[in-house]
Amino acid sequence: MTKAYPIKGQVCAACAARVEKKIAALPGVIFARVNALTKKVTLEAAPERFPDVALEADRILRREEDGASLVVDR
């Protein structure tokens, strides 16, 4: 399952690369891309892990980039 989420707030290119690496390391993640230019995070993960992966990706982004978050259905 693949889904793209908009980023609320600003994210710099260096931070995007760091966040992408941390999200990609999450259990169940097959692919992760953080694009600072389009302000989107694209995730591919096992369907059964997807809700948890999306929420954890949001937590990582919030922790790494002050004021930024994913627009995730909660």
C-alpha atoms as a PDB file:
ATOM      1  CA  MET A   1       0.000   0.000   0.000  1.00  0.00           C
ATOM      2  CA  THR A   2       1.328   3.439  -0.971  1.00  0.00           C
ATOM      3  CA  LYS A   3       0.024   6.780   0.194  1.00  0.00           C
ATOM      4  CA  ALA A   4       1.239  10.403   0.042  1.00  0.00           C
ATOM      5  CA  TYR A   5       0.690  12.846   2.893  1.00  0.00           C
ATOM      6  CA  PRO A   6       1.052  16.623   2.729  1.00  0.00           C
ATOM      7  CA  ILE A   7       3.445  18.271   5.176  1.00  0.00           C
ATOM      8  CA  LYS A   8       2.040  21.116   7.230  1.00  0.00           C
ATOM      9  CA  GLY A   9       4.735  23.694   7.997  1.00  0.00           C
ATOM     10  CA  GLN A  10       8.242  24.060   6.620  1.00  0.00           C
ATOM     11  CA  VAL A  11      10.914  21.401   6.198  1.00  0.00           C
ATOM     12  CA  CYS A  12      14.435  22.035   4.896  1.00  0.00           C
ATOM     13  CA  ALA A  13      16.171  19.707   2.429  1.00  0.00           C
ATOM     14  CA  ALA A  14      18.742  18.490   4.970  1.00  0.00           C
ATOM     15  CA  CYS A  15      16.036  17.763   7.516  1.00  0.00           C
ATOM     16  CA  ALA A  16      13.937  16.003   4.878  1.00  0.00           C
ATOM     17  CA  ALA A  17      16.816  13.622   4.156  1.00  0.00           C
ATOM     18  CA  ARG A  18      17.302  12.906   7.866  1.00  0.00           C
ATOM     19  CA  VAL A  19      13.567  12.340   8.444  1.00  0.00           C
ATOM     20  CA  GLU A  20      13.328  10.124   5.355  1.00  0.00           C
ATOM     21  CA  LYS A  21      16.132   7.893   6.647  1.00  0.00           C
ATOM     22  CA  LYS A  22      14.449   7.502  10.054  1.00  0.00           C
ATOM     23  CA  ILE A  23      11.029   6.769   8.543  1.00  0.00           C
ATOM     24  CA  ALA A  24      12.536   4.224   6.119  1.00  0.00           C
ATOM     25  CA  ALA A  25      13.988   2.355   9.116  1.00  0.00           C
ATOM     26  CA  LEU A  26      10.565   1.813  10.728  1.00  0.00           C
ATOM     27  CA  PRO A  27       9.301  -1.794  10.843  1.00  0.00           C
ATOM     28  CA  GLY A  28       6.964  -2.533   7.948  1.00  0.00           C
ATOM     29  CA  VAL A  29       8.150   0.360   5.751  1.00  0.00           C
ATOM     30  CA  ILE A  30       9.005  -0.691   2.204  1.00  0.00           C
ATOM     31  CA  PHE A  31       9.693   2.798   0.823  1.00  0.00           C
ATOM     32  CA  ALA A  32       9.739   6.336   2.216  1.00  0.00           C
ATOM     33  CA  ARG A  33      10.321   9.640   0.430  1.00  0.00           C
ATOM     34  CA  VAL A  34      10.268  13.083   2.054  1.00  0.00           C
ATOM     35  CA  ASN A  35      10.174  15.873  -0.515  1.00  0.00           C
ATOM     36  CA  ALA A  36      10.879  19.339   0.912  1.00  0.00           C
ATOM     37  CA  LEU A  37      10.011  21.053  -2.377  1.00  0.00           C
ATOM     38  CA  THR A  38       6.528  19.563  -2.809  1.00  0.00           C
ATOM     39  CA  LYS A  39       6.038  19.286   0.975  1.00  0.00           C
ATOM     40  CA  LYS A  40       4.898  15.656   0.753  1.00  0.00           C
ATOM     41  CA  VAL A  41       5.825  12.383   2.401  1.00  0.00           C
ATOM     42  CA  THR A  42       5.232   9.256   0.346  1.00  0.00           C
ATOM     43  CA  LEU A  43       5.057   5.986   2.250  1.00  0.00           C
ATOM     44  CA  GLU A  44       4.817   2.407   1.101  1.00  0.00           C
ATOM     45  CA  ALA A  45       4.197  -0.105   3.844  1.00  0.00           C
ATOM     46  CA  ALA A  46       2.539  -3.406   4.579  1.00  0.00           C
ATOM     47  CA  PRO A  47      -1.239  -2.771   4.778  1.00  0.00           C
ATOM     48  CA  GLU A  48      -1.518  -4.114   8.322  1.00  0.00           C
ATOM     49  CA  ARG A  49       1.252  -1.748   9.516  1.00  0.00           C
ATOM     50  CA  PHE A  50       0.124   1.334   7.606  1.00  0.00           C
ATOM     51  CA  PRO A  51      -1.839   3.209  10.299  1.00  0.00           C
ATOM     52  CA  ASP A  52       0.997   2.803  12.819  1.00  0.00           C
ATOM     53  CA  VAL A  53       3.675   3.708  10.264  1.00  0.00           C
ATOM     54  CA  ALA A  54       1.862   6.908   9.252  1.00  0.00           C
ATOM     55  CA  LEU A  55       1.456   8.030  12.863  1.00  0.00           C
ATOM     56  CA  GLU A  56       5.076   7.218  13.705  1.00  0.00           C
ATOM     57  CA  ALA A  57       6.239   9.109  10.581  1.00  0.00           C
ATOM     58  CA  ASP A  58       4.295  12.119  11.859  1.00  0.00           C
ATOM     59  CA  ARG A  59       5.967  11.823  15.281  1.00  0.00           C
ATOM     60  CA  ILE A  60       9.402  11.657  13.670  1.00  0.00           C
ATOM     61  CA  LEU A  61       8.713  14.713  11.516  1.00  0.00           C
ATOM     62  CA  ARG A  62       7.408  16.693  14.507  1.00  0.00           C
ATOM     63  CA  ARG A  63      10.463  15.741  16.569  1.00  0.00           C
ATOM     64  CA  GLU A  64      13.011  16.549  13.837  1.00  0.00           C
ATOM     65  CA  GLU A  65      11.469  19.673  12.287  1.00  0.00           C
ATOM     66  CA  ASP A  66       9.963  22.220  14.686  1.00  0.00           C
ATOM     67  CA  GLY A  67       6.480  23.246  13.585  1.00  0.00           C
ATOM     68  CA  ALA A  68       6.132  20.623  10.833  1.00  0.00           C
ATOM     69  CA  SER A  69       3.673  17.731  10.824  1.00  0.00           C
ATOM     70  CA  LEU A  70       1.970  15.305   8.465  1.00  0.00           C
ATOM     71  CA  VAL A  71      -1.666  15.768   7.611  1.00  0.00           C
ATOM     72  CA  VAL A  72      -2.715  12.265   8.719  1.00  0.00           C
ATOM     73  CA  ASP A  73      -6.236  10.973   9.312  1.00  0.00           C
ATOM     74  CA  ARG A  74      -6.342  10.049  12.976  1.00  0.00           C
END
